[in-house]
Structure formats: C-alpha cells, structure tokens
C-alpha cells in the first residue's frame, strides 16, 4: 500500500512537469481542461481537475476579512507548480522515515 502511494505521488509529479501553461493576453496563464497530464495528475492526487487547474494558475491573498484571488503569470505558475510538487513530496515522505 505504501509503495503504491509512493508510485502514485511520483507519477503525479512527473505528469505535472509536463503540464503546459498557456500565456494569456492579460498577463495571466491558463491550462487547457483537456490537458492529459493535468487529468492524470489530478486523478493520481485524488483532486478535482478544475480545482488543481485553479490552484496552479492563481494565488490567494488574505488580509483581515478579505480574500483576493489573483491570476499568475506563466513563469510564476510554473514556479508555483514546482514548489507544490516539492512540498507535496517532502510532506508525503519525510527524511528519516523508515521504509517497511
């Protein structure tokens, strides 16, 4: 079970690395909803495709009682995706954890 989880996480991260971000005119980015790598990564991570798409292309800022969702530029979205993958991997498999 643990090995299957490991393979799923690694496969999801590899697929996320192949996701193409489209640059939009208004200094934002998007991902096609039918992008096969997005679909597979979402399934492997147990996420809704639209939710993963939104998280990768937007950032949320909170200040007091207000929440603002802002679009990311293509390069910022890619950097955010890399940070997400690194963080997900780090929390899924902390260093020093014994293999069973």
N, C-alpha and C. Protein backbone atom coordinates (compact mmCIF):
# COMPACT_ATOMS: atom_id res chain seq x y z
N UNK A 1 0.83 -1.20 0.00
CA UNK A 1 0.00 0.00 0.00
C UNK A 1 0.87 1.26 0.00
N UNK A 2 1.90 1.26 0.84
CA UNK A 2 2.80 2.41 0.90
C UNK A 2 3.57 2.57 -0.41
N UNK A 3 3.95 1.45 -1.01
CA UNK A 3 4.67 1.50 -2.27
C UNK A 3 3.77 2.04 -3.39
N UNK A 4 2.51 1.65 -3.40
CA UNK A 4 1.57 2.15 -4.39
C UNK A 4 1.38 3.66 -4.24
N UNK A 5 1.29 4.12 -2.98
CA UNK A 5 1.18 5.56 -2.72
C UNK A 5 2.40 6.30 -3.25
N UNK A 6 3.58 5.75 -2.99
CA UNK A 6 4.83 6.36 -3.48
C UNK A 6 4.82 6.46 -4.99
N UNK A 7 4.46 5.40 -5.67
CA UNK A 7 4.44 5.42 -7.14
C UNK A 7 3.40 6.40 -7.66
N UNK A 8 2.26 6.50 -7.01
CA UNK A 8 1.22 7.44 -7.43
C UNK A 8 1.70 8.88 -7.31
N UNK A 9 2.33 9.21 -6.19
CA UNK A 9 2.84 10.56 -5.98
C UNK A 9 3.93 10.89 -7.00
N UNK A 10 4.85 9.98 -7.20
CA UNK A 10 5.93 10.23 -8.17
C UNK A 10 5.39 10.36 -9.59
N UNK A 11 4.43 9.52 -9.95
CA UNK A 11 3.83 9.61 -11.29
C UNK A 11 3.09 10.94 -11.46
N UNK A 12 2.38 11.37 -10.42
CA UNK A 12 1.66 12.64 -10.48
C UNK A 12 2.64 13.80 -10.68
N UNK A 13 3.74 13.78 -9.96
CA UNK A 13 4.74 14.84 -10.07
C UNK A 13 5.37 14.84 -11.47
N UNK A 14 5.64 13.67 -12.00
CA UNK A 14 6.19 13.60 -13.36
C UNK A 14 5.20 14.14 -14.38
N UNK A 15 3.92 13.82 -14.22
CA UNK A 15 2.91 14.34 -15.14
C UNK A 15 2.76 15.86 -14.98
N UNK A 16 2.84 16.35 -13.75
CA UNK A 16 2.71 17.79 -13.55
C UNK A 16 3.85 18.54 -14.24
N UNK A 17 5.01 17.93 -14.31
CA UNK A 17 6.13 18.54 -15.01
C UNK A 17 5.89 18.69 -16.50
N UNK A 18 4.94 17.95 -17.04
CA UNK A 18 4.62 18.01 -18.47
C UNK A 18 3.41 18.90 -18.77
N UNK A 19 2.82 19.49 -17.75
CA UNK A 19 1.67 20.38 -17.97
C UNK A 19 2.15 21.65 -18.66
N UNK A 20 1.44 22.04 -19.70
CA UNK A 20 1.79 23.27 -20.42
C UNK A 20 0.87 24.40 -19.98
N UNK A 21 1.49 25.50 -19.57
CA UNK A 21 0.74 26.69 -19.18
C UNK A 21 0.63 27.60 -20.40
N UNK A 22 -0.58 28.02 -20.71
CA UNK A 22 -0.82 28.93 -21.83
C UNK A 22 -0.73 30.36 -21.33
N UNK A 23 0.01 31.17 -22.05
CA UNK A 23 0.12 32.58 -21.68
C UNK A 23 -1.07 33.33 -22.27
N UNK A 24 -1.76 34.08 -21.43
CA UNK A 24 -2.93 34.84 -21.87
C UNK A 24 -2.54 36.30 -22.08
N UNK A 25 -3.36 37.04 -22.77
CA UNK A 25 -3.08 38.45 -23.08
C UNK A 25 -3.04 39.34 -21.85
N UNK A 26 -3.84 39.04 -20.87
CA UNK A 26 -3.95 39.91 -19.69
C UNK A 26 -2.91 39.58 -18.61
N UNK A 27 -1.74 39.10 -19.04
CA UNK A 27 -0.65 38.79 -18.11
C UNK A 27 -1.00 37.67 -17.14
N UNK A 28 -1.84 36.76 -17.57
CA UNK A 28 -2.19 35.62 -16.74
C UNK A 28 -1.90 34.35 -17.53
N UNK A 29 -2.22 33.21 -16.95
CA UNK A 29 -1.99 31.95 -17.64
C UNK A 29 -3.21 31.04 -17.48
N UNK A 30 -3.23 29.99 -18.26
CA UNK A 30 -4.30 29.01 -18.16
C UNK A 30 -3.74 27.65 -18.54
N UNK A 31 -4.51 26.61 -18.22
CA UNK A 31 -4.19 25.25 -18.61
C UNK A 31 -5.44 24.70 -19.28
N UNK A 32 -5.28 24.10 -20.45
CA UNK A 32 -6.43 23.51 -21.12
C UNK A 32 -7.05 22.43 -20.25
N UNK A 33 -8.35 22.43 -20.15
CA UNK A 33 -9.06 21.46 -19.31
C UNK A 33 -8.87 20.03 -19.77
N UNK A 34 -8.56 19.86 -21.05
CA UNK A 34 -8.37 18.50 -21.58
C UNK A 34 -6.90 18.09 -21.64
N UNK A 35 -6.02 18.84 -20.97
CA UNK A 35 -4.60 18.50 -20.93
C UNK A 35 -4.45 17.15 -20.25
N UNK A 36 -3.94 16.16 -20.98
CA UNK A 36 -3.88 14.80 -20.44
C UNK A 36 -3.03 14.69 -19.17
N UNK A 37 -1.98 15.49 -19.07
CA UNK A 37 -1.12 15.43 -17.89
C UNK A 37 -1.83 16.02 -16.67
N UNK A 38 -2.62 17.07 -16.88
CA UNK A 38 -3.42 17.64 -15.81
C UNK A 38 -4.45 16.63 -15.32
N UNK A 39 -5.12 15.95 -16.25
CA UNK A 39 -6.15 14.97 -15.90
C UNK A 39 -5.56 13.81 -15.10
N UNK A 40 -4.41 13.31 -15.55
CA UNK A 40 -3.79 12.17 -14.86
C UNK A 40 -3.26 12.59 -13.49
N UNK A 41 -2.60 13.76 -13.41
CA UNK A 41 -2.05 14.22 -12.13
C UNK A 41 -3.17 14.42 -11.11
N UNK A 42 -4.27 15.03 -11.53
CA UNK A 42 -5.40 15.24 -10.62
C UNK A 42 -5.94 13.91 -10.11
N UNK A 43 -6.08 12.95 -11.01
CA UNK A 43 -6.60 11.63 -10.61
C UNK A 43 -5.65 10.95 -9.62
N UNK A 44 -4.36 10.99 -9.91
CA UNK A 44 -3.38 10.34 -9.03
C UNK A 44 -3.32 11.00 -7.65
N UNK A 45 -3.54 12.32 -7.59
CA UNK A 45 -3.51 13.03 -6.31
C UNK A 45 -4.86 13.04 -5.61
N UNK A 46 -5.90 12.52 -6.28
CA UNK A 46 -7.23 12.50 -5.69
C UNK A 46 -7.87 13.87 -5.64
N UNK A 47 -7.58 14.71 -6.65
CA UNK A 47 -8.11 16.07 -6.69
C UNK A 47 -9.06 16.24 -7.87
N UNK A 48 -9.94 17.21 -7.75
CA UNK A 48 -10.79 17.59 -8.88
C UNK A 48 -9.92 18.33 -9.90
N UNK A 49 -10.12 18.06 -11.17
CA UNK A 49 -9.31 18.68 -12.23
C UNK A 49 -9.43 20.20 -12.17
N UNK A 50 -10.65 20.71 -12.05
CA UNK A 50 -10.86 22.17 -12.03
C UNK A 50 -10.16 22.81 -10.83
N UNK A 51 -10.15 22.12 -9.70
CA UNK A 51 -9.51 22.66 -8.51
C UNK A 51 -7.99 22.73 -8.69
N UNK A 52 -7.39 21.66 -9.22
CA UNK A 52 -5.95 21.66 -9.46
C UNK A 52 -5.58 22.73 -10.48
N UNK A 53 -6.40 22.85 -11.51
CA UNK A 53 -6.20 23.87 -12.54
C UNK A 53 -6.21 25.27 -11.91
N UNK A 54 -7.17 25.51 -11.04
CA UNK A 54 -7.27 26.81 -10.37
C UNK A 54 -6.07 27.06 -9.46
N UNK A 55 -5.68 26.07 -8.67
CA UNK A 55 -4.55 26.24 -7.75
C UNK A 55 -3.26 26.52 -8.50
N UNK A 56 -3.08 25.92 -9.67
CA UNK A 56 -1.85 26.11 -10.42
C UNK A 56 -1.77 27.46 -11.12
N UNK A 57 -2.92 28.05 -11.44
CA UNK A 57 -2.93 29.29 -12.22
C UNK A 57 -3.30 30.53 -11.42
N UNK A 58 -3.57 30.37 -10.12
CA UNK A 58 -3.99 31.50 -9.29
C UNK A 58 -3.31 31.45 -7.93
N UNK A 59 -3.26 32.60 -7.30
CA UNK A 59 -2.80 32.65 -5.91
C UNK A 59 -3.87 33.37 -5.10
N UNK A 60 -3.94 33.03 -3.83
CA UNK A 60 -4.94 33.61 -2.94
C UNK A 60 -4.23 34.44 -1.88
N UNK A 61 -4.66 35.67 -1.73
CA UNK A 61 -4.11 36.57 -0.72
C UNK A 61 -5.20 36.86 0.30
N UNK A 62 -4.85 36.73 1.58
CA UNK A 62 -5.81 37.02 2.64
C UNK A 62 -5.29 38.15 3.50
N UNK A 63 -6.16 39.12 3.75
CA UNK A 63 -5.82 40.24 4.62
C UNK A 63 -7.06 40.58 5.44
N UNK A 64 -6.93 40.44 6.72
CA UNK A 64 -8.05 40.67 7.64
C UNK A 64 -9.24 39.83 7.23
N UNK A 65 -10.33 40.47 6.84
CA UNK A 65 -11.54 39.74 6.48
C UNK A 65 -11.74 39.61 4.97
N UNK A 66 -10.71 39.94 4.20
CA UNK A 66 -10.84 39.94 2.76
C UNK A 66 -9.93 38.89 2.13
N UNK A 67 -10.45 38.20 1.14
CA UNK A 67 -9.68 37.23 0.38
C UNK A 67 -9.72 37.63 -1.09
N UNK A 68 -8.54 37.72 -1.68
CA UNK A 68 -8.43 38.11 -3.09
C UNK A 68 -7.73 36.99 -3.85
N UNK A 69 -8.33 36.56 -4.95
CA UNK A 69 -7.73 35.55 -5.82
C UNK A 69 -7.17 36.26 -7.04
N UNK A 70 -5.89 36.06 -7.30
CA UNK A 70 -5.21 36.74 -8.40
C UNK A 70 -4.65 35.71 -9.38
N UNK A 71 -4.70 36.05 -10.66
CA UNK A 71 -4.12 35.20 -11.70
C UNK A 71 -2.60 35.29 -11.67
N UNK A 72 -1.95 34.20 -11.99
CA UNK A 72 -0.50 34.17 -12.04
C UNK A 72 -0.02 34.30 -13.48
N UNK A 73 1.17 34.88 -13.63
CA UNK A 73 1.83 34.90 -14.93
C UNK A 73 2.34 33.48 -15.20
N UNK A 74 2.61 33.19 -16.44
CA UNK A 74 3.03 31.86 -16.84
C UNK A 74 4.26 31.38 -16.06
N UNK A 75 5.29 32.21 -15.96
CA UNK A 75 6.52 31.80 -15.27
C UNK A 75 6.28 31.63 -13.77
N UNK A 76 5.41 32.45 -13.18
CA UNK A 76 5.11 32.32 -11.76
C UNK A 76 4.28 31.06 -11.49
N UNK A 77 3.39 30.72 -12.41
CA UNK A 77 2.59 29.50 -12.27
C UNK A 77 3.49 28.27 -12.33
N UNK A 78 4.45 28.28 -13.24
CA UNK A 78 5.36 27.15 -13.35
C UNK A 78 6.21 27.01 -12.09
N UNK A 79 6.69 28.13 -11.57
CA UNK A 79 7.48 28.11 -10.33
C UNK A 79 6.62 27.63 -9.15
N UNK A 80 5.37 28.05 -9.12
CA UNK A 80 4.46 27.60 -8.07
C UNK A 80 4.18 26.11 -8.15
N UNK A 81 4.06 25.59 -9.37
CA UNK A 81 3.83 24.16 -9.55
C UNK A 81 5.04 23.37 -9.06
N UNK A 82 6.23 23.85 -9.36
CA UNK A 82 7.43 23.18 -8.87
C UNK A 82 7.49 23.18 -7.35
N UNK A 83 7.13 24.30 -6.73
CA UNK A 83 7.12 24.39 -5.26
C UNK A 83 6.07 23.46 -4.68
N UNK A 84 4.89 23.38 -5.31
CA UNK A 84 3.84 22.47 -4.86
C UNK A 84 4.35 21.03 -4.88
N UNK A 85 4.98 20.63 -5.99
CA UNK A 85 5.48 19.26 -6.13
C UNK A 85 6.53 18.95 -5.06
N UNK A 86 7.45 19.88 -4.86
CA UNK A 86 8.49 19.68 -3.86
C UNK A 86 7.90 19.56 -2.45
N UNK A 87 6.96 20.43 -2.13
CA UNK A 87 6.34 20.41 -0.81
C UNK A 87 5.51 19.14 -0.61
N UNK A 88 4.74 18.75 -1.61
CA UNK A 88 3.91 17.55 -1.52
C UNK A 88 4.79 16.33 -1.30
N UNK A 89 5.88 16.26 -2.04
CA UNK A 89 6.80 15.13 -1.89
C UNK A 89 7.46 15.13 -0.52
N UNK A 90 7.86 16.30 -0.05
CA UNK A 90 8.53 16.42 1.24
C UNK A 90 7.62 16.00 2.39
N UNK A 91 6.34 16.40 2.34
CA UNK A 91 5.42 16.04 3.41
C UNK A 91 4.90 14.61 3.28
N UNK A 92 4.92 14.07 2.07
CA UNK A 92 4.48 12.68 1.89
C UNK A 92 5.55 11.70 2.34
N UNK A 93 6.81 12.08 2.21
CA UNK A 93 7.92 11.20 2.53
C UNK A 93 8.99 11.97 3.29
N UNK A 94 8.77 12.25 4.58
CA UNK A 94 9.77 13.00 5.35
C UNK A 94 11.09 12.23 5.45
N UNK A 95 12.19 12.98 5.50
CA UNK A 95 13.51 12.36 5.65
C UNK A 95 13.59 11.61 6.97
N UNK A 96 14.29 10.52 6.94
CA UNK A 96 14.47 9.73 8.15
C UNK A 96 13.35 8.74 8.42
N UNK A 97 12.35 8.72 7.57
CA UNK A 97 11.24 7.78 7.74
C UNK A 97 11.72 6.41 7.29
N UNK A 98 11.48 5.42 8.13
CA UNK A 98 11.92 4.07 7.82
C UNK A 98 11.02 3.43 6.81
N UNK A 99 11.61 2.74 5.85
CA UNK A 99 10.83 2.01 4.85
C UNK A 99 10.38 0.68 5.46
N UNK A 100 9.17 0.28 5.15
CA UNK A 100 8.69 -1.01 5.67
C UNK A 100 8.78 -2.07 4.62
